[in-house]
Amino acid sequence: MQLIRPDINIDFLGKRKIALTFSAIMLLISLALIGIKGLNLGIDFTGGTLVEVRFEKAIPAADIRNAISPAGYEKAVIQEFGSPEEILIRVQNQEGVEASAISTAILDALSDTFGADQVEMRRVEFVGPQVGEELKSSGMWAVIYTLGGILLYVMFRFKLRFALGADAALLHDIIIVVGVFSLLQLEFSLSVVAALLTVLGYSLNDTIVVFDRIRENFVENKKNKHPKDEVEVCNASINQTLSRTLMTSITTLLVVFSLYFFGGEVIHNFAFALLVGIAVGTYSSIFIASPIMLSLEGKFEMSEEELKELEARP
């Protein structure tokens, strides 16, 4: 299936200054949001108790909050879980109070208000504050180690300036996704960290496809009697891979849209992070990775020997 005609020639890199300026603004806004508003960390990271209950009929969240407020849980996070009758209640841990006591107090308060036969306890989960801090640290280091591993891999397969361009694009994607979560104050949990790592892999795959074509065209260009400059070669390479990039992104987004709308509350934020990440990752593989790599021209110049080495690499 051919979405893009083979002879298409869009001047992507001619707009690289506009794209880089736009991305710089988005990154500054995202970092400002993260610094000022912070993230709505889930109990995976903060520690707390999660209680899942099911009512016989749908109950408004405001009524549920009014019911458990006398027990001291007026700041609880209340949300639907799959259906209007199923509710998740998240509360911060209280010093010296066990999860079983918290869940019992919540169930008693709901039973007193709505009737014992109208509410059923489904699940209770507890995360201690120390475990939450360890998970937060582990999640952060997982992203850092992934970026470091990608840098080494791309540097080995291509060259250092390719690796720096790829890592810059990936860091760009992660910061913007986290910035969106900060803006909307969506719960940031371990499942979102998993989504971020998935976005890293997806965006890297797109970038590697483009870089692979650039590498091939760099080698061929050096053989020409009148070689083109690197900007022309990179632009042609992006256009040659554009059909594949769009097809991959569209089909992946269709799957993720299905997860977002039909997958239920459990994976809602996971799917949303993927939606934002795939859209931003597709943009960065075209407008960020290659321009950053080109901006390093002269700092990491490729000699003819290096080009021959590139051609020989898998």
Foldseek 3Di string as FASTA:
>chain_A
DFPDDQPDFDQQVVCLVVVVVVLVVLLVLLVVLCVPLNAQADCLQQWWKKWKKFFPDADDPVVLLVLLVVVPFNVWDWDAWFDRRIIITIGHDDPPDDQVNVNVSSLVSCCVVPNNVGMDTDDMDTDHNVSSNVLVVVLVVVVVVVLVVQLVVCCVLANNLLSVLLSVLLVSLLSSLSSVSSVVNDHDYVLQSVLSVVLSVLLSVLLVQLVVQLLVQVLVQVPDPDRDDSSSSSSSSCSNCVRVLVVVLVVVLVVLVCCCPPVIPVCNSSSVSNNSSSVSSSVSSRNGSVVSSVVCDPVGDADNVSSVVSVPGD
